[in-house]
Amino acid sequence: MHFANEGGNIDIIEFLLEQPEIQLEKKCLQNCLLLTKVKINSSIKSIDDYAFKGCRKLSDVTFESPSSLVSIGEESFSGIDKLTQITIPSSVQIIKSRAFDGSSFLRDVKFEIPSSLTSILNLAFFYTNLIEITVPSSVTFIGKEAFAYCHELQKIYFASPSSVSSIGDSAFEKCGSLERFEFPPEVTTIAKKIFMYCDKLKQVIIPPSVTKIDDDAFCKCDSLDEISLPSSMTSIGDRSFVECKSLTHITIPSSVTIIGDRCFNECKALTHVTISSSVISIGESSFEKCSSLKEVNFDQKSSLKSIGSNCFNECISLSQIIIHSPIEKIGFGCFKKCSSLTNVEIISSSPFILDSYAFFDCCLLDKVTLPSSLIRIESAAFKNCKSLEQIEIPPQTTFIGDSAFENCSALRSLSFPPSVESIGLWIFDRCSSLKEITISSKIDLSSIRIDPNIKVNKI
């Protein structure tokens, strides 16, 4: 049955709503600006989409008992300014998308027990004023952004035993008052952006059922200072903990194989990281600008094969890196501007490439051990390493790029093995302490700028 939208006789509307044969059809009372209270007849099984949307003065919604209501439709109570509380009947099985979206004064939502509710769909309580909520044990699914932008939401409880197995992307994004969250025991994935911008979130309890943290899950959770990742974890997504400025240490579980791009980027309080033996890849900029990071421990039986570009760029407190693994590549700018780094030891049996700018501007670096399997040193790899006095280039190396040792002002001598087939331009520029070079006679030095005071030994 359709009612007048913007006005109409309120007494007649209230009378009709009490009739047993009435149905709340789509948009039936949308924008009825005079409606202040509604009592839903016990015979009604569904509140259809947009039924009460925009009824801005509606402040009292009750349900005749025993209610037969099964479904609360899309945007059915959306954009209602005066509604502050509602009790959902035990018969309701589904709250559809945006059901209460934008009802910005809705502070108190209760569910009759025992509840039949199984699904809270996308944006169901988006931008409401909820302070706390208890999710019934019957619920199995919480959709995307279901409680996002609930700025006053402080506490979320899951009635025991919880049946929730899936919580959607951004479900609690920008819930700026939320301080603690415990995942239900059946959840397997921590979804994308689920707590993004939850800047007061300090504690998160993750059950053993969880195997994956998806992209941006804890992005910019400024107060998160500690988190324990379960041994069941296999994947940590891109930007998962980016700018978690209070996080002090993290241990990567032994089941994790990939750490995503920018995963811990700008975690400025992070001091210690332990990388388990199972990790084979660390993504681009994963620990970039972690300015307090002093120690990165790689397992002695590490499976690590690659470290992405800028991974530890500007980790200004990092003093030592020791990697014993089948590593194949250290990416572009990986340890660039690590101004406290003094010692690097890389042992690998796999063909190994040191990418461009890998140790650029590591001004205190004075001890470097490169793997015997090294085949390429790319451009500017050690440029501006002003404390480096000596370095042994392994016997399988074939290529050394432009400016590889430029401005290594403490470097005294360089010996290139016969395997080297090509060296780049400016490789010796501003090496003011360099006195001697040993290099294959097959290498054409005519285009290489060499100070006349440097002794060149050809072999």
Protein backbone atom coordinates (compact mmCIF):
# COMPACT_ATOMS: atom_id res chain seq x y z
CA MET A 1 0.00 0.00 0.00
CA HIS A 2 1.33 3.44 -0.89
CA PHE A 3 0.90 6.48 1.36
CA ALA A 4 1.33 10.19 0.73
CA ASN A 5 5.01 10.98 0.87
CA GLU A 6 5.43 14.53 2.06
CA GLY A 7 2.36 15.11 4.11
CA GLY A 8 -0.94 13.38 4.67
CA ASN A 9 -3.17 12.85 7.68
CA ILE A 10 -0.90 11.37 10.35
CA ASP A 11 -3.79 9.92 12.35
CA ILE A 12 -4.96 8.01 9.31
CA ILE A 13 -1.43 6.76 8.58
CA GLU A 14 -0.96 5.56 12.16
CA PHE A 15 -4.36 3.82 12.04
CA LEU A 16 -3.51 2.07 8.77
CA LEU A 17 -0.16 0.86 10.10
CA GLU A 18 -1.97 -1.00 12.86
CA GLN A 19 -4.17 -2.96 10.44
CA PRO A 20 -3.23 -6.68 10.04
CA GLU A 21 -3.51 -6.68 6.24
CA ILE A 22 -1.17 -3.70 5.77
CA GLN A 23 2.10 -4.06 3.86
CA LEU A 24 5.00 -1.60 3.98
CA GLU A 25 5.82 -1.39 0.32
CA LYS A 26 8.77 0.29 -1.37
CA LYS A 27 8.96 4.05 -0.68
CA CYS A 28 5.50 3.94 0.92
CA LEU A 29 6.28 6.63 3.52
CA GLN A 30 9.48 8.08 2.12
CA ASN A 31 9.97 11.73 3.12
CA CYS A 32 6.78 11.82 5.19
CA LEU A 33 8.03 14.82 7.14
CA LEU A 34 5.20 14.93 9.73
CA LEU A 35 5.52 11.32 10.87
CA THR A 36 6.86 11.12 14.44
CA LYS A 37 6.03 7.59 15.60
CA VAL A 38 5.39 4.19 14.05
CA LYS A 39 4.15 0.93 15.53
CA ILE A 40 4.76 -1.95 13.12
CA ASN A 41 1.91 -4.46 13.09
CA SER A 42 2.81 -8.00 14.19
CA SER A 43 1.62 -9.43 10.85
CA ILE A 44 4.14 -7.46 8.76
CA LYS A 45 6.93 -9.71 7.45
CA SER A 46 8.94 -7.16 5.47
CA ILE A 47 9.70 -3.47 5.60
CA ASP A 48 10.46 -2.79 1.96
CA ASP A 49 13.22 -0.58 0.57
CA TYR A 50 13.07 3.16 1.37
CA ALA A 51 9.85 2.71 3.35
CA PHE A 52 10.63 5.38 5.95
CA LYS A 53 13.64 7.02 4.32
CA GLY A 54 13.90 10.72 5.03
CA CYS A 55 11.16 10.77 7.69
CA ARG A 56 13.24 13.26 9.56
CA LYS A 57 10.98 13.72 12.59
CA LEU A 58 10.42 10.01 13.19
CA SER A 59 11.63 9.40 16.74
CA ASP A 60 9.68 6.36 17.95
CA VAL A 61 9.69 3.01 16.13
CA THR A 62 8.20 0.00 17.94
CA PHE A 63 7.09 -3.45 16.87
CA GLU A 64 3.92 -5.18 18.00
CA SER A 65 4.65 -8.46 19.74
CA PRO A 66 4.98 -11.20 18.68
CA SER A 67 6.53 -9.73 15.54
CA SER A 68 6.59 -11.62 12.23
CA LEU A 69 9.11 -9.25 10.68
CA VAL A 70 11.85 -11.06 8.73
CA SER A 71 13.48 -8.35 6.63
CA ILE A 72 14.38 -4.68 7.08
CA GLY A 73 14.83 -3.30 3.57
CA GLU A 74 17.45 -1.12 1.91
CA GLU A 75 17.52 2.45 3.22
CA SER A 76 14.23 1.78 4.99
CA PHE A 77 15.20 3.97 7.96
CA SER A 78 17.92 6.00 6.25
CA GLY A 79 18.43 9.70 6.92
CA ILE A 80 16.18 9.99 9.98
CA ASP A 81 17.35 12.80 12.25
CA LYS A 82 15.28 12.16 15.38
CA LEU A 83 15.55 8.38 15.80
CA THR A 84 17.84 7.65 18.77
CA GLN A 85 17.07 4.04 19.65
CA ILE A 86 15.45 0.93 18.23
CA THR A 87 14.97 -2.67 19.33
CA ILE A 88 15.09 -5.20 16.49
CA PRO A 89 12.55 -8.03 16.91
CA SER A 90 13.86 -11.57 17.38
CA SER A 91 12.14 -12.67 14.14
CA VAL A 92 14.31 -10.44 11.89
CA GLN A 93 16.75 -12.44 9.77
CA ILE A 94 18.32 -9.76 7.59
CA ILE A 95 19.09 -6.05 7.82
CA LYS A 96 19.67 -4.91 4.26
CA SER A 97 22.12 -2.40 2.79
CA ARG A 98 21.98 1.14 4.18
CA ALA A 99 18.97 0.27 6.34
CA PHE A 100 19.89 2.92 8.93
CA ASP A 101 22.53 4.79 6.92
CA GLY A 102 22.87 8.42 7.91
CA SER A 103 20.44 8.27 10.85
CA SER A 104 23.02 10.30 12.63
CA PHE A 105 21.41 10.41 16.09
CA LEU A 106 20.82 6.65 16.36
CA ARG A 107 22.77 5.77 19.52
CA ASP A 108 21.21 2.58 20.83
CA VAL A 109 20.39 -0.56 18.83
CA LYS A 110 19.33 -3.67 20.69
CA PHE A 111 18.38 -7.11 19.42
CA GLU A 112 15.68 -9.19 21.08
CA ILE A 113 16.95 -12.53 22.38
CA PRO A 114 16.87 -15.16 21.01
CA SER A 115 17.67 -13.46 17.72
CA SER A 116 17.18 -14.98 14.26
CA LEU A 117 19.39 -12.38 12.58
CA THR A 118 21.99 -13.87 10.22
CA SER A 119 23.08 -10.96 8.00
CA ILE A 120 23.91 -7.29 8.49
CA LEU A 121 24.51 -6.04 4.95
CA ASN A 122 26.66 -3.29 3.48
CA LEU A 123 26.47 0.15 5.15
CA ALA A 124 23.58 -1.01 7.34
CA PHE A 125 24.57 1.33 10.21
CA PHE A 126 26.91 3.64 8.29
CA TYR A 127 27.35 7.07 9.86
CA THR A 128 25.10 6.47 12.83
CA ASN A 129 25.85 7.61 16.38
CA LEU A 130 26.14 4.17 17.98
CA ILE A 131 28.12 4.00 21.22
CA GLU A 132 28.20 0.24 21.62
CA ILE A 133 26.57 -2.77 20.03
CA THR A 134 26.25 -6.47 20.75
CA VAL A 135 26.06 -8.61 17.62
CA PRO A 136 23.73 -11.61 18.18
CA SER A 137 25.28 -15.08 18.15
CA SER A 138 23.08 -16.03 15.17
CA VAL A 139 24.78 -13.51 12.84
CA THR A 140 27.13 -15.10 10.28
CA PHE A 141 27.82 -12.17 7.96
CA ILE A 142 28.63 -8.48 8.41
CA GLY A 143 28.88 -6.55 5.15
CA LYS A 144 31.15 -3.84 3.79
CA GLU A 145 31.15 -0.57 5.73
CA ALA A 146 28.37 -1.92 7.95
CA PHE A 147 29.49 0.26 10.89
CA ALA A 148 31.88 2.61 9.09
CA TYR A 149 32.07 6.25 10.18
CA CYS A 150 30.34 5.50 13.49
CA HIS A 151 32.55 8.08 15.19
CA GLU A 152 31.19 7.46 18.71
CA LEU A 153 31.34 3.64 18.60
CA GLN A 154 33.47 2.55 21.56
CA LYS A 155 32.63 -1.10 22.10
CA ILE A 156 31.62 -4.00 19.88
CA TYR A 157 30.64 -7.29 21.45
CA PHE A 158 29.91 -10.61 19.80
CA ALA A 159 27.43 -12.70 21.76
CA SER A 160 28.81 -16.14 22.53
CA PRO A 161 29.03 -18.53 20.80
CA SER A 162 29.47 -16.22 17.81
CA SER A 163 28.67 -17.54 14.34
CA VAL A 164 30.28 -14.64 12.46
CA SER A 165 32.62 -16.02 9.79
CA SER A 166 32.85 -13.03 7.45
CA ILE A 167 33.28 -9.31 8.11
CA GLY A 168 33.42 -7.12 5.01
CA ASP A 169 35.84 -4.46 3.79
CA SER A 170 35.86 -1.19 5.77
CA ALA A 171 33.31 -2.61 8.22
CA PHE A 172 34.60 -0.37 11.03
CA GLU A 173 36.53 2.22 9.03
CA LYS A 174 36.92 5.56 10.79
CA CYS A 175 35.31 4.40 14.04
CA GLY A 176 37.44 6.95 15.84
CA SER A 177 36.37 6.04 19.40
CA LEU A 178 36.93 2.28 19.13
CA GLU A 179 39.74 1.16 21.49
CA ARG A 180 39.55 -2.64 21.53
CA PHE A 181 38.31 -5.35 19.20
CA GLU A 182 38.23 -9.12 19.49
CA PHE A 183 37.51 -11.08 16.33
CA PRO A 184 34.99 -13.93 16.53
CA PRO A 185 36.65 -17.38 16.42
CA GLU A 186 35.29 -18.36 12.98
CA VAL A 187 36.70 -15.42 11.01
CA THR A 188 39.43 -16.42 8.55
CA THR A 189 40.28 -13.12 6.83
CA ILE A 190 40.79 -9.63 8.22
CA ALA A 191 39.25 -7.59 5.42
CA LYS A 192 40.52 -4.59 3.49
CA LYS A 193 40.43 -1.27 5.37
CA ILE A 194 38.44 -2.87 8.17
CA PHE A 195 39.94 -0.53 10.81
CA MET A 196 41.36 2.18 8.58
CA TYR A 197 41.63 5.51 10.47
CA CYS A 198 40.55 3.96 13.78
CA ASP A 199 43.02 6.24 15.51
CA LYS A 200 42.18 5.20 19.12
CA LEU A 201 42.33 1.46 18.51
CA LYS A 202 44.96 0.07 20.90
CA GLN A 203 44.29 -3.65 21.14
CA VAL A 204 43.14 -6.24 18.62
CA ILE A 205 42.73 -9.93 19.48
CA ILE A 206 43.16 -12.19 16.45
CA PRO A 207 42.03 -15.84 16.74
CA PRO A 208 43.94 -18.86 15.34
CA SER A 209 41.35 -19.19 12.56
CA VAL A 210 42.70 -16.11 10.74
CA THR A 211 45.03 -16.87 7.83
CA LYS A 212 45.11 -13.53 6.00
CA ILE A 213 45.31 -9.82 6.69
CA ASP A 214 44.10 -7.97 3.62
CA ASP A 215 45.26 -4.61 2.21
CA ASP A 216 45.03 -1.49 4.42
CA ALA A 217 43.43 -3.44 7.28
CA PHE A 218 45.00 -1.40 10.09
CA CYS A 219 46.09 1.59 8.01
CA LYS A 220 46.69 4.69 10.17
CA CYS A 221 45.63 3.11 13.46
CA ASP A 222 47.73 5.64 15.35
CA SER A 223 47.27 4.11 18.85
CA LEU A 224 47.86 0.45 17.99
CA ASP A 225 50.99 -0.34 20.00
CA GLU A 226 51.13 -4.12 19.96
CA ILE A 227 49.59 -6.94 17.97
CA SER A 228 50.13 -10.68 18.08
CA LEU A 229 49.81 -12.46 14.75
CA PRO A 230 48.70 -16.11 15.06
CA SER A 231 50.76 -18.99 13.72
CA SER A 232 47.95 -19.69 11.23
CA MET A 233 48.72 -16.46 9.33
CA THR A 234 49.98 -16.98 5.76
CA SER A 235 49.64 -13.55 4.13
CA ILE A 236 49.99 -9.91 5.21
CA GLY A 237 48.60 -7.57 2.56
CA ASP A 238 49.76 -4.26 1.11
CA ARG A 239 49.73 -1.30 3.52
CA SER A 240 48.25 -3.46 6.29
CA PHE A 241 49.87 -1.47 9.11
CA VAL A 242 50.99 1.67 7.28
CA GLU A 243 51.47 4.64 9.63
CA CYS A 244 50.64 2.71 12.80
CA LYS A 245 52.71 5.25 14.68
CA SER A 246 52.59 3.54 18.12
CA LEU A 247 53.48 0.00 17.03
CA THR A 248 56.81 -0.90 18.69
CA HIS A 249 57.58 -4.45 17.58
CA ILE A 250 56.27 -7.19 15.35
CA THR A 251 57.04 -10.88 14.89
CA ILE A 252 56.13 -12.36 11.53
CA PRO A 253 54.73 -15.90 12.08
CA SER A 254 56.51 -18.89 10.59
CA SER A 255 53.60 -19.59 8.23
CA VAL A 256 53.75 -16.21 6.43
CA THR A 257 55.38 -16.29 2.98
CA ILE A 258 54.73 -12.76 1.66
CA ILE A 259 54.86 -9.36 3.34
CA GLY A 260 52.97 -6.89 1.14
CA ASP A 261 54.05 -3.54 -0.28
CA ARG A 262 54.26 -0.67 2.25
CA CYS A 263 53.04 -3.07 4.92
CA PHE A 264 54.71 -1.30 7.87
CA ASN A 265 55.60 1.93 6.08
CA GLU A 266 56.13 4.88 8.44
CA CYS A 267 55.60 2.88 11.64
CA LYS A 268 57.79 5.42 13.39
CA ALA A 269 57.84 3.72 16.84
CA LEU A 270 58.73 0.28 15.48
CA THR A 271 62.09 -0.79 16.94
CA HIS A 272 62.35 -4.56 16.38
CA VAL A 273 61.20 -6.87 13.61
CA THR A 274 61.65 -10.62 13.43
CA ILE A 275 61.26 -12.16 9.96
CA SER A 276 60.47 -15.88 10.05
CA SER A 277 62.15 -18.52 7.93
CA SER A 278 59.03 -18.99 5.76
CA VAL A 279 59.03 -15.46 4.28
CA ILE A 280 60.17 -15.53 0.64
CA SER A 281 59.30 -11.96 -0.36
CA ILE A 282 59.20 -8.56 1.35
CA GLY A 283 57.33 -5.99 -0.72
CA GLU A 284 58.21 -2.50 -1.87
CA SER A 285 58.60 0.15 0.87
CA SER A 286 57.46 -2.36 3.50
CA PHE A 287 59.47 -0.74 6.31
CA GLU A 288 60.27 2.57 4.63
CA LYS A 289 60.73 5.53 7.02
CA CYS A 290 60.51 3.36 10.15
CA SER A 291 62.81 5.85 11.78
CA SER A 292 63.16 4.01 15.14
CA LEU A 293 63.82 0.58 13.64
CA LYS A 294 67.08 -0.65 15.17
CA GLU A 295 66.99 -4.35 14.56
CA VAL A 296 65.74 -6.64 11.80
CA ASN A 297 66.32 -10.30 12.57
CA PHE A 298 66.19 -12.79 9.72
CA ASP A 299 65.94 -16.45 10.66
CA GLN A 300 69.17 -18.39 10.13
CA LYS A 301 67.25 -20.79 7.92
CA SER A 302 65.57 -17.99 5.99
CA SER A 303 63.83 -18.73 2.68
CA LEU A 304 63.95 -15.08 1.61
CA LYS A 305 64.38 -14.56 -2.15
CA SER A 306 63.67 -10.88 -2.70
CA ILE A 307 63.45 -7.56 -0.89
CA GLY A 308 61.46 -4.93 -2.75
CA SER A 309 62.36 -1.39 -3.78
CA ASN A 310 62.81 1.14 -0.96
CA CYS A 311 61.98 -1.55 1.57
CA PHE A 312 64.12 -0.06 4.37
CA ASN A 313 64.64 3.39 2.85
CA GLU A 314 65.34 6.03 5.51
CA CYS A 315 65.42 3.57 8.40
CA ILE A 316 67.85 5.93 10.07
CA SER A 317 68.34 3.87 13.28
CA LEU A 318 69.15 0.55 11.57
CA SER A 319 72.78 -0.40 12.21
CA GLN A 320 73.21 -3.92 10.83
CA ILE A 321 71.74 -6.27 8.24
CA ILE A 322 72.65 -9.96 8.13
CA ILE A 323 70.87 -12.15 5.58
CA HIS A 324 71.71 -15.81 5.04
CA SER A 325 69.17 -17.09 2.52
CA PRO A 326 68.70 -18.02 -1.15
CA ILE A 327 68.12 -14.32 -1.84
CA GLU A 328 68.17 -13.34 -5.52
CA LYS A 329 67.66 -9.57 -5.41
CA ILE A 330 67.82 -6.54 -3.18
CA GLY A 331 65.62 -3.96 -4.83
CA PHE A 332 66.06 -0.36 -5.93
CA GLY A 333 66.94 1.95 -3.02
CA CYS A 334 66.31 -0.84 -0.56
CA PHE A 335 68.59 0.55 2.21
CA LYS A 336 68.90 4.06 0.82
CA LYS A 337 69.71 6.74 3.39
CA CYS A 338 70.05 4.27 6.27
CA SER A 339 72.40 6.73 7.93
CA SER A 340 73.30 4.50 10.92
CA LEU A 341 73.95 1.33 8.92
CA THR A 342 77.54 0.14 9.45
CA ASN A 343 77.58 -3.57 8.66
CA VAL A 344 76.00 -5.58 5.83
CA GLU A 345 76.44 -9.32 5.39
CA ILE A 346 74.63 -11.16 2.61
CA ILE A 347 75.22 -14.87 2.04
CA SER A 348 73.39 -16.57 -0.81
CA SER A 349 73.86 -19.48 -3.19
CA SER A 350 71.40 -18.08 -5.76
CA PRO A 351 72.44 -15.78 -8.64
CA PHE A 352 72.20 -12.39 -6.97
CA ILE A 353 71.53 -8.84 -8.20
CA LEU A 354 72.13 -5.71 -6.17
CA ASP A 355 69.79 -3.13 -7.68
CA SER A 356 70.38 0.58 -8.25
CA TYR A 357 70.78 2.86 -5.21
CA ALA A 358 70.54 -0.16 -2.89
CA PHE A 359 72.89 1.40 -0.30
CA PHE A 360 72.89 4.97 -1.58
CA ASP A 361 73.89 7.53 1.03
CA CYS A 362 74.62 4.99 3.78
CA CYS A 363 77.26 7.35 5.08
CA LEU A 364 78.51 5.15 7.99
CA LEU A 365 78.64 1.86 6.10
CA ASP A 366 82.16 0.51 6.51
CA LYS A 367 81.82 -3.26 6.27
CA VAL A 368 80.16 -5.10 3.39
CA THR A 369 80.12 -8.82 2.64
CA LEU A 370 78.55 -9.63 -0.70
CA PRO A 371 77.49 -13.15 -1.73
CA SER A 372 79.85 -15.18 -3.90
CA SER A 373 76.91 -15.64 -6.30
CA LEU A 374 76.66 -11.90 -7.07
CA ILE A 375 76.39 -11.24 -10.82
CA ARG A 376 75.40 -7.56 -11.07
CA ILE A 377 75.92 -4.35 -9.11
CA GLU A 378 73.56 -1.79 -10.63
CA SER A 379 74.02 1.98 -10.86
CA ALA A 380 74.75 4.06 -7.75
CA ALA A 381 74.45 0.97 -5.52
CA PHE A 382 77.07 2.32 -3.08
CA LYS A 383 77.10 5.97 -4.10
CA ASN A 384 77.90 8.35 -1.21
CA CYS A 385 78.99 5.53 1.13
CA LYS A 386 81.68 7.80 2.51
CA SER A 387 82.95 5.44 5.26
CA LEU A 388 83.49 2.43 3.02
CA GLU A 389 87.24 1.77 2.90
CA GLN A 390 87.24 -1.58 1.13
CA ILE A 391 84.91 -3.98 -0.60
CA GLU A 392 85.49 -7.37 -2.20
CA ILE A 393 83.75 -7.89 -5.50
CA PRO A 394 82.83 -11.58 -5.82
CA PRO A 395 84.35 -13.73 -8.61
CA GLN A 396 81.13 -14.30 -10.61
CA THR A 397 80.29 -10.60 -11.00
CA THR A 398 79.85 -9.58 -14.65
CA PHE A 399 78.47 -6.02 -14.52
CA ILE A 400 78.96 -2.89 -12.42
CA GLY A 401 76.74 0.08 -13.27
CA ASP A 402 77.19 3.84 -13.52
CA SER A 403 78.27 5.64 -10.34
CA ALA A 404 78.28 2.36 -8.39
CA PHE A 405 81.04 3.65 -6.06
CA GLU A 406 80.82 7.38 -6.76
CA ASN A 407 81.79 9.56 -3.80
CA CYS A 408 82.99 6.62 -1.72
CA SER A 409 85.58 9.01 -0.40
CA ALA A 410 87.23 6.56 2.05
CA LEU A 411 87.64 3.75 -0.50
CA ARG A 412 91.38 2.95 -0.87
CA SER A 413 91.48 0.25 -3.53
CA LEU A 414 89.24 -1.74 -5.86
CA SER A 415 89.92 -5.10 -7.44
CA PHE A 416 87.64 -6.32 -10.20
CA PRO A 417 87.62 -10.06 -10.91
CA PRO A 418 88.25 -11.28 -14.48
CA SER A 419 84.54 -12.14 -14.78
CA VAL A 420 83.62 -8.43 -14.97
CA GLU A 421 82.69 -7.60 -18.56
CA SER A 422 81.46 -4.03 -18.19
CA ILE A 423 81.75 -1.11 -15.79
CA GLY A 424 79.72 2.08 -15.91
CA LEU A 425 80.54 5.76 -16.18
CA TRP A 426 81.50 7.87 -13.15
CA ILE A 427 82.20 4.73 -11.18
CA PHE A 428 85.32 6.26 -9.56
CA ASP A 429 84.21 9.92 -9.44
CA ARG A 430 84.98 11.72 -6.16
CA CYS A 431 86.68 8.66 -4.69
CA SER A 432 89.29 10.94 -3.17
CA SER A 433 91.17 8.24 -1.21
CA LEU A 434 91.32 5.72 -4.06
CA LYS A 435 94.93 4.83 -4.86
CA GLU A 436 94.80 1.59 -6.80
CA ILE A 437 92.56 -0.30 -9.22
CA THR A 438 92.98 -3.84 -10.48
CA ILE A 439 90.94 -4.65 -13.58
CA SER A 440 90.84 -6.94 -16.61
CA SER A 441 92.73 -5.70 -19.67
CA LYS A 442 89.62 -6.55 -21.71
CA ILE A 443 87.72 -3.67 -20.11
CA ASP A 444 87.78 -0.47 -22.20
CA LEU A 445 88.59 2.39 -19.81
CA SER A 446 88.73 5.10 -22.45
CA SER A 447 85.35 6.57 -21.51
CA ILE A 448 85.86 6.15 -17.74
CA ARG A 449 87.06 9.15 -15.81
CA ILE A 450 90.03 8.08 -13.63
CA ASP A 451 92.17 10.40 -11.55
CA PRO A 452 95.76 10.34 -12.89
CA ASN A 453 97.08 9.63 -9.36
CA ILE A 454 95.25 6.29 -9.25
CA LYS A 455 97.39 3.29 -10.14
CA VAL A 456 95.66 1.00 -12.64
CA ASN A 457 96.73 -2.66 -12.68
CA LYS A 458 95.52 -4.61 -15.70
CA ILE A 459 95.24 -8.38 -15.53
